[in-house]
Amino acid sequence: MSQIFLVSGGCRSGKSRFALSLAETYERAIYLATAQVYDDEMADRVLRHQQERPSHMRTIEEPLKLEALLETSLDCDVLIWDCLTLWLSNMLCEGHSIDQTLEQLQGILSILGSQSYDSIIVSNEVGLGIVPESALGRQFRDLAGWAHQMIVPLAKEAYLLAMGVPIGLKALQKSQQL
């Protein structure tokens, strides 16, 4: 039975590094990158992430069509999806509605739950800051919050990273029902 782990936190909180540390015990790992490079700053971010990954880790870049990719046979023990919120942003920018995106996410989670490998989902916590100025920004923030709420009940473990420190949240989820 496969397991799902959720790793969330703010920008530069250490999410990806922590996800990589969770994957260290697995022999065969795949890093699923959803970033799209449109400028030099994003190219630098991608390069930094590439340099942090172990050389034996296989990388697959797919910004949108995750269901089709995950339905193929991936030869791994663990899949690190980095990151959910970039995929959500990609979906919104491609014109998908919140409902369409959440429906696709449900399909992705069903696929991940049926695989032989474990999954580590990396995501940004965007709901702790100020209310975004634009309607698209508010849609994105809400979408990310709903997506996290879909994943946590399925996750074996859920973490929030703050200042590089992982805080285990899953135990709280069991004792407190929303």
N, C-alpha and C. Protein backbone atom coordinates (compact mmCIF):
# COMPACT_ATOMS: atom_id res chain seq x y z
N MET A 1 0.84 -1.18 0.00
CA MET A 1 0.00 0.00 0.00
C MET A 1 0.88 1.25 0.00
N SER A 2 0.64 2.13 -0.94
CA SER A 2 1.45 3.33 -1.03
C SER A 2 1.06 4.34 0.05
N GLN A 3 1.99 5.21 0.36
CA GLN A 3 1.77 6.24 1.36
C GLN A 3 2.03 7.60 0.74
N ILE A 4 1.29 8.60 1.23
CA ILE A 4 1.45 9.97 0.78
C ILE A 4 1.95 10.80 1.95
N PHE A 5 2.93 11.65 1.68
CA PHE A 5 3.47 12.58 2.65
C PHE A 5 3.29 13.98 2.08
N LEU A 6 2.85 14.94 2.90
CA LEU A 6 2.69 16.32 2.46
C LEU A 6 3.69 17.18 3.22
N VAL A 7 4.45 17.98 2.46
CA VAL A 7 5.45 18.88 3.03
C VAL A 7 5.11 20.28 2.54
N SER A 8 4.76 21.17 3.47
CA SER A 8 4.37 22.51 3.10
C SER A 8 5.14 23.52 3.94
N GLY A 9 5.07 24.76 3.52
CA GLY A 9 5.73 25.85 4.24
C GLY A 9 5.86 27.06 3.34
N GLY A 10 6.42 28.11 3.87
CA GLY A 10 6.60 29.34 3.11
C GLY A 10 7.80 29.26 2.18
N CYS A 11 8.00 30.33 1.45
CA CYS A 11 9.12 30.44 0.52
C CYS A 11 10.44 30.33 1.28
N ARG A 12 11.33 29.51 0.76
CA ARG A 12 12.67 29.31 1.32
C ARG A 12 12.62 28.79 2.76
N SER A 13 11.62 27.97 3.06
CA SER A 13 11.50 27.40 4.40
C SER A 13 12.23 26.08 4.53
N GLY A 14 12.71 25.51 3.42
CA GLY A 14 13.41 24.23 3.46
C GLY A 14 12.56 23.04 3.05
N LYS A 15 11.43 23.31 2.40
CA LYS A 15 10.50 22.24 2.01
C LYS A 15 11.15 21.20 1.12
N SER A 16 11.77 21.63 0.06
CA SER A 16 12.36 20.68 -0.90
C SER A 16 13.49 19.90 -0.27
N ARG A 17 14.32 20.56 0.49
CA ARG A 17 15.43 19.87 1.16
C ARG A 17 14.89 18.82 2.13
N PHE A 18 13.83 19.17 2.86
CA PHE A 18 13.23 18.21 3.79
C PHE A 18 12.61 17.04 3.03
N ALA A 19 11.94 17.32 1.92
CA ALA A 19 11.36 16.24 1.10
C ALA A 19 12.46 15.30 0.61
N LEU A 20 13.58 15.86 0.19
CA LEU A 20 14.70 15.02 -0.23
C LEU A 20 15.21 14.16 0.92
N SER A 21 15.21 14.71 2.13
CA SER A 21 15.67 13.92 3.28
C SER A 21 14.70 12.78 3.59
N LEU A 22 13.40 13.01 3.38
CA LEU A 22 12.42 11.93 3.56
C LEU A 22 12.65 10.80 2.54
N ALA A 23 13.13 11.17 1.37
CA ALA A 23 13.33 10.19 0.29
C ALA A 23 14.64 9.44 0.39
N GLU A 24 15.52 9.84 1.30
CA GLU A 24 16.84 9.21 1.40
C GLU A 24 16.79 7.72 1.66
N THR A 25 15.77 7.24 2.33
CA THR A 25 15.70 5.82 2.68
C THR A 25 15.22 4.95 1.53
N TYR A 26 14.79 5.56 0.44
CA TYR A 26 14.30 4.82 -0.72
C TYR A 26 15.44 4.61 -1.71
N GLU A 27 15.43 3.47 -2.35
CA GLU A 27 16.50 3.14 -3.30
C GLU A 27 16.34 3.88 -4.63
N ARG A 28 15.12 3.88 -5.17
CA ARG A 28 14.87 4.48 -6.48
C ARG A 28 13.87 5.62 -6.34
N ALA A 29 14.33 6.84 -6.63
CA ALA A 29 13.48 8.02 -6.46
C ALA A 29 13.35 8.77 -7.77
N ILE A 30 12.16 9.32 -7.98
CA ILE A 30 11.90 10.21 -9.11
C ILE A 30 11.47 11.55 -8.56
N TYR A 31 12.03 12.60 -9.13
CA TYR A 31 11.69 13.97 -8.77
C TYR A 31 10.81 14.52 -9.89
N LEU A 32 9.55 14.79 -9.59
CA LEU A 32 8.60 15.33 -10.56
C LEU A 32 8.55 16.84 -10.39
N ALA A 33 9.11 17.56 -11.35
CA ALA A 33 9.20 19.01 -11.30
C ALA A 33 8.09 19.63 -12.15
N THR A 34 7.36 20.58 -11.57
CA THR A 34 6.25 21.21 -12.29
C THR A 34 6.54 22.66 -12.67
N ALA A 35 7.73 23.15 -12.37
CA ALA A 35 8.07 24.54 -12.67
C ALA A 35 8.18 24.78 -14.17
N GLN A 36 7.81 25.98 -14.56
CA GLN A 36 8.03 26.44 -15.93
C GLN A 36 8.95 27.65 -15.85
N VAL A 37 9.96 27.67 -16.68
CA VAL A 37 10.95 28.74 -16.63
C VAL A 37 10.59 29.81 -17.66
N TYR A 38 10.26 30.99 -17.15
CA TYR A 38 9.92 32.12 -18.02
C TYR A 38 10.90 33.28 -17.91
N ASP A 39 11.78 33.24 -16.90
CA ASP A 39 12.72 34.35 -16.72
C ASP A 39 13.98 33.85 -16.02
N ASP A 40 14.97 34.73 -15.91
CA ASP A 40 16.25 34.36 -15.32
C ASP A 40 16.13 33.99 -13.84
N GLU A 41 15.27 34.68 -13.12
CA GLU A 41 15.11 34.40 -11.70
C GLU A 41 14.59 32.98 -11.49
N MET A 42 13.61 32.57 -12.30
CA MET A 42 13.07 31.21 -12.18
C MET A 42 14.11 30.20 -12.63
N ALA A 43 14.89 30.53 -13.64
CA ALA A 43 15.96 29.63 -14.09
C ALA A 43 16.96 29.40 -12.96
N ASP A 44 17.28 30.45 -12.20
CA ASP A 44 18.18 30.31 -11.06
C ASP A 44 17.59 29.42 -9.98
N ARG A 45 16.29 29.56 -9.72
CA ARG A 45 15.62 28.72 -8.72
C ARG A 45 15.68 27.25 -9.13
N VAL A 46 15.38 26.98 -10.39
CA VAL A 46 15.39 25.62 -10.89
C VAL A 46 16.80 25.04 -10.79
N LEU A 47 17.80 25.80 -11.18
CA LEU A 47 19.18 25.35 -11.10
C LEU A 47 19.57 25.01 -9.65
N ARG A 48 19.18 25.85 -8.71
CA ARG A 48 19.48 25.61 -7.29
C ARG A 48 18.85 24.28 -6.83
N HIS A 49 17.60 24.05 -7.23
CA HIS A 49 16.94 22.79 -6.87
C HIS A 49 17.64 21.59 -7.52
N GLN A 50 18.05 21.74 -8.76
CA GLN A 50 18.74 20.65 -9.46
C GLN A 50 20.05 20.30 -8.75
N GLN A 51 20.76 21.32 -8.29
CA GLN A 51 22.04 21.10 -7.62
C GLN A 51 21.88 20.43 -6.26
N GLU A 52 20.71 20.60 -5.62
CA GLU A 52 20.46 19.99 -4.32
C GLU A 52 20.11 18.50 -4.42
N ARG A 53 19.65 18.08 -5.59
CA ARG A 53 19.22 16.69 -5.75
C ARG A 53 20.42 15.76 -5.91
N PRO A 54 20.30 14.55 -5.37
CA PRO A 54 21.35 13.55 -5.58
C PRO A 54 21.47 13.22 -7.07
N SER A 55 22.66 12.92 -7.52
CA SER A 55 22.89 12.69 -8.95
C SER A 55 22.16 11.44 -9.46
N HIS A 56 21.90 10.48 -8.59
CA HIS A 56 21.22 9.25 -9.03
C HIS A 56 19.70 9.42 -9.17
N MET A 57 19.17 10.55 -8.69
CA MET A 57 17.73 10.76 -8.74
C MET A 57 17.28 11.18 -10.14
N ARG A 58 16.33 10.45 -10.68
CA ARG A 58 15.79 10.77 -11.99
C ARG A 58 14.80 11.94 -11.88
N THR A 59 14.85 12.87 -12.82
CA THR A 59 13.95 14.01 -12.84
C THR A 59 13.03 13.92 -14.04
N ILE A 60 11.75 14.17 -13.80
CA ILE A 60 10.76 14.28 -14.87
C ILE A 60 10.15 15.67 -14.75
N GLU A 61 10.14 16.41 -15.85
CA GLU A 61 9.54 17.74 -15.86
C GLU A 61 8.19 17.67 -16.56
N GLU A 62 7.13 18.01 -15.83
CA GLU A 62 5.78 18.03 -16.39
C GLU A 62 4.96 19.09 -15.67
N PRO A 63 4.71 20.22 -16.32
CA PRO A 63 4.01 21.31 -15.64
C PRO A 63 2.49 21.16 -15.54
N LEU A 64 1.87 20.33 -16.37
CA LEU A 64 0.40 20.30 -16.40
C LEU A 64 -0.22 18.90 -16.37
N LYS A 65 0.21 18.02 -17.24
CA LYS A 65 -0.49 16.75 -17.50
C LYS A 65 -0.03 15.64 -16.57
N LEU A 66 -0.29 15.82 -15.29
CA LEU A 66 0.20 14.86 -14.30
C LEU A 66 -0.58 13.55 -14.32
N GLU A 67 -1.89 13.62 -14.54
CA GLU A 67 -2.68 12.38 -14.56
C GLU A 67 -2.14 11.42 -15.62
N ALA A 68 -1.93 11.91 -16.82
CA ALA A 68 -1.43 11.05 -17.90
C ALA A 68 -0.06 10.48 -17.55
N LEU A 69 0.81 11.31 -16.99
CA LEU A 69 2.14 10.85 -16.60
C LEU A 69 2.06 9.78 -15.53
N LEU A 70 1.25 10.02 -14.50
CA LEU A 70 1.19 9.10 -13.37
C LEU A 70 0.49 7.80 -13.71
N GLU A 71 -0.29 7.79 -14.76
CA GLU A 71 -0.94 6.55 -15.19
C GLU A 71 0.03 5.62 -15.91
N THR A 72 1.20 6.14 -16.30
CA THR A 72 2.23 5.30 -16.89
C THR A 72 2.96 4.57 -15.77
N SER A 73 3.73 3.60 -16.12
CA SER A 73 4.46 2.82 -15.12
C SER A 73 5.77 3.54 -14.79
N LEU A 74 5.82 4.14 -13.62
CA LEU A 74 7.05 4.81 -13.18
C LEU A 74 7.84 3.83 -12.33
N ASP A 75 9.07 3.62 -12.70
CA ASP A 75 9.93 2.66 -12.02
C ASP A 75 10.64 3.35 -10.86
N CYS A 76 9.96 3.36 -9.69
CA CYS A 76 10.55 4.02 -8.54
C CYS A 76 9.95 3.46 -7.25
N ASP A 77 10.59 3.82 -6.15
CA ASP A 77 10.08 3.49 -4.82
C ASP A 77 9.41 4.70 -4.18
N VAL A 78 9.81 5.89 -4.63
CA VAL A 78 9.23 7.13 -4.12
C VAL A 78 9.22 8.18 -5.23
N LEU A 79 8.16 8.97 -5.23
CA LEU A 79 8.02 10.08 -6.16
C LEU A 79 7.94 11.36 -5.34
N ILE A 80 8.81 12.30 -5.63
CA ILE A 80 8.75 13.62 -4.99
C ILE A 80 8.12 14.56 -6.00
N TRP A 81 6.94 15.08 -5.69
CA TRP A 81 6.24 16.03 -6.56
C TRP A 81 6.52 17.42 -6.01
N ASP A 82 7.32 18.18 -6.75
CA ASP A 82 7.73 19.51 -6.32
C ASP A 82 7.47 20.50 -7.45
N CYS A 83 6.40 21.24 -7.45
CA CYS A 83 5.53 21.32 -6.29
C CYS A 83 4.07 21.45 -6.70
N LEU A 84 3.22 21.11 -5.77
CA LEU A 84 1.77 21.18 -5.96
C LEU A 84 1.33 22.59 -6.33
N THR A 85 1.80 23.60 -5.59
CA THR A 85 1.30 24.95 -5.83
C THR A 85 1.75 25.50 -7.18
N LEU A 86 2.91 25.09 -7.67
CA LEU A 86 3.28 25.50 -9.03
C LEU A 86 2.32 24.86 -10.04
N TRP A 87 1.97 23.60 -9.82
CA TRP A 87 1.00 22.94 -10.71
C TRP A 87 -0.35 23.65 -10.65
N LEU A 88 -0.81 24.01 -9.44
CA LEU A 88 -2.08 24.73 -9.31
C LEU A 88 -2.03 26.05 -10.07
N SER A 89 -0.93 26.77 -9.93
CA SER A 89 -0.76 28.03 -10.65
C SER A 89 -0.75 27.80 -12.16
N ASN A 90 -0.04 26.77 -12.60
CA ASN A 90 -0.01 26.45 -14.02
C ASN A 90 -1.42 26.19 -14.55
N MET A 91 -2.20 25.44 -13.77
CA MET A 91 -3.56 25.12 -14.19
C MET A 91 -4.43 26.37 -14.31
N LEU A 92 -4.37 27.24 -13.30
CA LEU A 92 -5.15 28.48 -13.35
C LEU A 92 -4.73 29.35 -14.53
N CYS A 93 -3.43 29.46 -14.75
CA CYS A 93 -2.93 30.29 -15.85
C CYS A 93 -3.27 29.71 -17.23
N GLU A 94 -3.51 28.41 -17.29
CA GLU A 94 -3.94 27.76 -18.54
C GLU A 94 -5.44 27.88 -18.76
N GLY A 95 -6.15 28.50 -17.82
CA GLY A 95 -7.58 28.72 -17.98
C GLY A 95 -8.49 27.70 -17.31
N HIS A 96 -7.91 26.78 -16.55
CA HIS A 96 -8.74 25.81 -15.83
C HIS A 96 -9.40 26.50 -14.64
N SER A 97 -10.64 26.14 -14.36
CA SER A 97 -11.33 26.71 -13.21
C SER A 97 -10.85 26.03 -11.93
N ILE A 98 -11.22 26.61 -10.81
CA ILE A 98 -10.90 26.00 -9.52
C ILE A 98 -11.51 24.61 -9.44
N ASP A 99 -12.78 24.48 -9.82
CA ASP A 99 -13.44 23.18 -9.75
C ASP A 99 -12.77 22.15 -10.66
N GLN A 100 -12.41 22.56 -11.87
CA GLN A 100 -11.72 21.64 -12.79
C GLN A 100 -10.39 21.19 -12.21
N THR A 101 -9.67 22.13 -11.62
CA THR A 101 -8.36 21.83 -11.06
C THR A 101 -8.48 20.89 -9.86
N LEU A 102 -9.44 21.15 -8.98
CA LEU A 102 -9.64 20.27 -7.83
C LEU A 102 -10.08 18.88 -8.27
N GLU A 103 -10.88 18.82 -9.34
CA GLU A 103 -11.29 17.52 -9.86
C GLU A 103 -10.08 16.75 -10.40
N GLN A 104 -9.20 17.45 -11.12
CA GLN A 104 -7.99 16.79 -11.61
C GLN A 104 -7.09 16.37 -10.45
N LEU A 105 -7.01 17.21 -9.43
CA LEU A 105 -6.21 16.85 -8.27
C LEU A 105 -6.76 15.59 -7.61
N GLN A 106 -8.08 15.49 -7.52
CA GLN A 106 -8.68 14.28 -6.94
C GLN A 106 -8.28 13.04 -7.74
N GLY A 107 -8.27 13.17 -9.07
CA GLY A 107 -7.83 12.06 -9.92
C GLY A 107 -6.37 11.72 -9.68
N ILE A 108 -5.53 12.72 -9.55
CA ILE A 108 -4.10 12.51 -9.29
C ILE A 108 -3.91 11.79 -7.96
N LEU A 109 -4.63 12.24 -6.94
CA LEU A 109 -4.50 11.62 -5.62
C LEU A 109 -4.98 10.17 -5.64
N SER A 110 -6.01 9.89 -6.41
CA SER A 110 -6.48 8.50 -6.55
C SER A 110 -5.40 7.64 -7.20
N ILE A 111 -4.77 8.18 -8.23
CA ILE A 111 -3.70 7.44 -8.91
C ILE A 111 -2.54 7.20 -7.95
N LEU A 112 -2.12 8.26 -7.24
CA LEU A 112 -1.00 8.12 -6.30
C LEU A 112 -1.31 7.08 -5.23
N GLY A 113 -2.55 7.06 -4.76
CA GLY A 113 -2.93 6.11 -3.73
C GLY A 113 -2.94 4.67 -4.19
N SER A 114 -3.00 4.46 -5.50
CA SER A 114 -3.06 3.09 -6.04
C SER A 114 -1.71 2.58 -6.54
N GLN A 115 -0.68 3.39 -6.43
CA GLN A 115 0.63 3.00 -6.96
C GLN A 115 1.41 2.15 -5.97
N SER A 116 2.46 1.52 -6.44
CA SER A 116 3.33 0.72 -5.57
C SER A 116 4.38 1.59 -4.88
N TYR A 117 4.56 2.81 -5.35
CA TYR A 117 5.55 3.71 -4.75
C TYR A 117 4.87 4.71 -3.81
N ASP A 118 5.66 5.25 -2.89
CA ASP A 118 5.19 6.31 -2.01
C ASP A 118 5.34 7.66 -2.71
N SER A 119 4.61 8.64 -2.24
CA SER A 119 4.64 9.98 -2.83
C SER A 119 4.88 11.02 -1.75
N ILE A 120 5.77 11.94 -2.05
CA ILE A 120 6.04 13.08 -1.19
C ILE A 120 5.62 14.32 -1.99
N ILE A 121 4.60 15.00 -1.52
CA ILE A 121 4.07 16.18 -2.21
C ILE A 121 4.58 17.42 -1.50
N VAL A 122 5.27 18.28 -2.23
CA VAL A 122 5.79 19.54 -1.71
C VAL A 122 4.85 20.65 -2.16
N SER A 123 4.52 21.55 -1.25
CA SER A 123 3.58 22.62 -1.56
C SER A 123 3.91 23.86 -0.74
N ASN A 124 3.51 25.00 -1.24
CA ASN A 124 3.70 26.26 -0.52
C ASN A 124 2.48 26.56 0.33
N GLU A 125 2.71 26.99 1.55
CA GLU A 125 1.63 27.48 2.39
C GLU A 125 1.47 28.96 2.07
N VAL A 126 0.37 29.32 1.43
CA VAL A 126 0.18 30.70 0.99
C VAL A 126 -0.96 31.39 1.74
N GLY A 127 -1.60 30.71 2.65
CA GLY A 127 -2.76 31.28 3.33
C GLY A 127 -2.45 31.99 4.63
N LEU A 128 -1.19 32.15 4.98
CA LEU A 128 -0.85 32.78 6.25
C LEU A 128 -0.48 34.26 6.11
N GLY A 129 -0.43 34.75 4.88
CA GLY A 129 -0.01 36.13 4.66
C GLY A 129 -1.18 37.05 4.43
N ILE A 130 -0.89 38.16 3.80
CA ILE A 130 -1.93 39.15 3.52
C ILE A 130 -2.85 38.64 2.41
N VAL A 131 -4.03 39.21 2.33
CA VAL A 131 -4.98 38.85 1.28
C VAL A 131 -4.43 39.41 -0.04
N PRO A 132 -4.29 38.55 -1.06
CA PRO A 132 -3.76 39.03 -2.33
C PRO A 132 -4.64 40.14 -2.93
N GLU A 133 -3.99 41.04 -3.64
CA GLU A 133 -4.67 42.19 -4.21
C GLU A 133 -5.56 41.82 -5.39
N SER A 134 -5.12 40.86 -6.20
CA SER A 134 -5.86 40.52 -7.42
C SER A 134 -6.83 39.36 -7.20
N ALA A 135 -7.84 39.30 -8.04
CA ALA A 135 -8.80 38.19 -7.98
C ALA A 135 -8.11 36.87 -8.25
N LEU A 136 -7.18 36.85 -9.24
CA LEU A 136 -6.45 35.62 -9.55
C LEU A 136 -5.61 35.18 -8.35
N GLY A 137 -4.98 36.12 -7.67
CA GLY A 137 -4.19 35.80 -6.49
C GLY A 137 -5.05 35.22 -5.38
N ARG A 138 -6.24 35.77 -5.19
CA ARG A 138 -7.15 35.24 -4.17
C ARG A 138 -7.66 33.85 -4.56
N GLN A 139 -7.93 33.64 -5.85
CA GLN A 139 -8.35 32.32 -6.31
C GLN A 139 -7.25 31.29 -6.06
N PHE A 140 -6.02 31.67 -6.36
CA PHE A 140 -4.88 30.78 -6.16
C PHE A 140 -4.73 30.43 -4.68
N ARG A 141 -4.79 31.43 -3.82
CA ARG A 141 -4.66 31.19 -2.38
C ARG A 141 -5.74 30.24 -1.89
N ASP A 142 -6.99 30.48 -2.31
CA ASP A 142 -8.09 29.60 -1.90
C ASP A 142 -7.91 28.19 -2.45
N LEU A 143 -7.52 28.09 -3.71
CA LEU A 143 -7.30 26.79 -4.35
C LEU A 143 -6.23 26.00 -3.60
N ALA A 144 -5.14 26.65 -3.24
CA ALA A 144 -4.08 25.97 -2.50
C ALA A 144 -4.60 25.47 -1.15
N GLY A 145 -5.37 26.28 -0.47
CA GLY A 145 -5.93 25.86 0.82
C GLY A 145 -6.85 24.66 0.68
N TRP A 146 -7.71 24.68 -0.33
CA TRP A 146 -8.61 23.54 -0.55
C TRP A 146 -7.83 22.29 -0.95
N ALA A 147 -6.80 22.48 -1.77
CA ALA A 147 -5.98 21.34 -2.19
C ALA A 147 -5.30 20.70 -0.97
N HIS A 148 -4.75 21.51 -0.09
CA HIS A 148 -4.12 20.97 1.11
C HIS A 148 -5.12 20.20 1.95
N GLN A 149 -6.33 20.73 2.07
CA GLN A 149 -7.36 20.05 2.85
C GLN A 149 -7.78 18.72 2.22
N MET A 150 -7.65 18.60 0.90
CA MET A 150 -7.92 17.32 0.23
C MET A 150 -6.83 16.30 0.50
N ILE A 151 -5.59 16.77 0.58
CA ILE A 151 -4.45 15.86 0.69
C ILE A 151 -4.23 15.37 2.11
N VAL A 152 -4.36 16.24 3.10
CA VAL A 152 -4.02 15.87 4.48
C VAL A 152 -4.75 14.62 4.97
N PRO A 153 -6.04 14.46 4.72
CA PRO A 153 -6.68 13.22 5.21
C PRO A 153 -6.11 11.95 4.58
N LEU A 154 -5.52 12.06 3.40
CA LEU A 154 -4.94 10.91 2.72
C LEU A 154 -3.49 10.68 3.10
N ALA A 155 -2.87 11.67 3.70
CA ALA A 155 -1.44 11.63 3.99
C ALA A 155 -1.14 10.84 5.26
N LYS A 156 -0.09 10.04 5.18
CA LYS A 156 0.40 9.35 6.38
C LYS A 156 1.00 10.37 7.33
N GLU A 157 1.76 11.31 6.76
CA GLU A 157 2.40 12.36 7.54
C GLU A 157 2.25 13.68 6.80
N ALA A 158 2.08 14.77 7.57
CA ALA A 158 2.02 16.11 7.00
C ALA A 158 2.90 17.02 7.84
N TYR A 159 3.70 17.84 7.16
CA TYR A 159 4.64 18.72 7.84
C TYR A 159 4.48 20.14 7.35
N LEU A 160 4.69 21.09 8.26
CA LEU A 160 4.80 22.50 7.92
C LEU A 160 6.21 22.90 8.29
N LEU A 161 6.95 23.47 7.32
CA LEU A 161 8.30 23.92 7.61
C LEU A 161 8.30 25.41 7.88
N ALA A 162 9.00 25.79 8.93
CA ALA A 162 9.18 27.19 9.28
C ALA A 162 10.65 27.39 9.63
N MET A 163 11.32 28.28 8.94
CA MET A 163 12.73 28.59 9.19
C MET A 163 13.61 27.35 9.13
N GLY A 164 13.25 26.39 8.25
CA GLY A 164 14.04 25.18 8.08
C GLY A 164 13.70 24.08 9.07
N VAL A 165 12.73 24.31 9.93
CA VAL A 165 12.37 23.33 10.95
C VAL A 165 11.04 22.67 10.58
N PRO A 166 11.02 21.33 10.43
CA PRO A 166 9.76 20.65 10.13
C PRO A 166 8.91 20.49 11.39
N ILE A 167 7.66 20.88 11.27
CA ILE A 167 6.70 20.74 12.37
C ILE A 167 5.68 19.70 11.93
N GLY A 168 5.60 18.59 12.64
CA GLY A 168 4.65 17.53 12.29
C GLY A 168 3.23 17.97 12.58
N LEU A 169 2.35 17.90 11.56
CA LEU A 169 0.97 18.34 11.71
C LEU A 169 -0.04 17.21 11.71
N LYS A 170 0.31 16.09 11.18
CA LYS A 170 -0.68 15.02 10.99
C LYS A 170 -1.31 14.59 12.30
N ALA A 171 -0.55 14.51 13.39
CA ALA A 171 -1.11 14.11 14.69
C ALA A 171 -2.19 15.09 15.12
N LEU A 172 -2.01 16.37 14.83
CA LEU A 172 -3.03 17.36 15.18
C LEU A 172 -4.31 17.11 14.40
N GLN A 173 -4.17 16.71 13.14
CA GLN A 173 -5.33 16.48 12.29
C GLN A 173 -6.20 15.37 12.87
N LYS A 174 -5.59 14.36 13.45
CA LYS A 174 -6.35 13.24 14.01
C LYS A 174 -7.12 13.67 15.25
N SER A 175 -6.57 14.57 16.05
CA SER A 175 -7.20 14.93 17.32
C SER A 175 -8.17 16.09 17.18
N GLN A 176 -8.08 16.84 16.11
CA GLN A 176 -8.95 18.00 15.93
C GLN A 176 -9.69 17.89 14.61
N GLN A 177 -10.96 17.74 14.68
CA GLN A 177 -11.78 17.69 13.46
C GLN A 177 -12.29 19.10 13.15
N LEU A 178 -12.20 19.50 11.90
CA LEU A 178 -12.65 20.85 11.52
C LEU A 178 -14.15 20.91 11.46
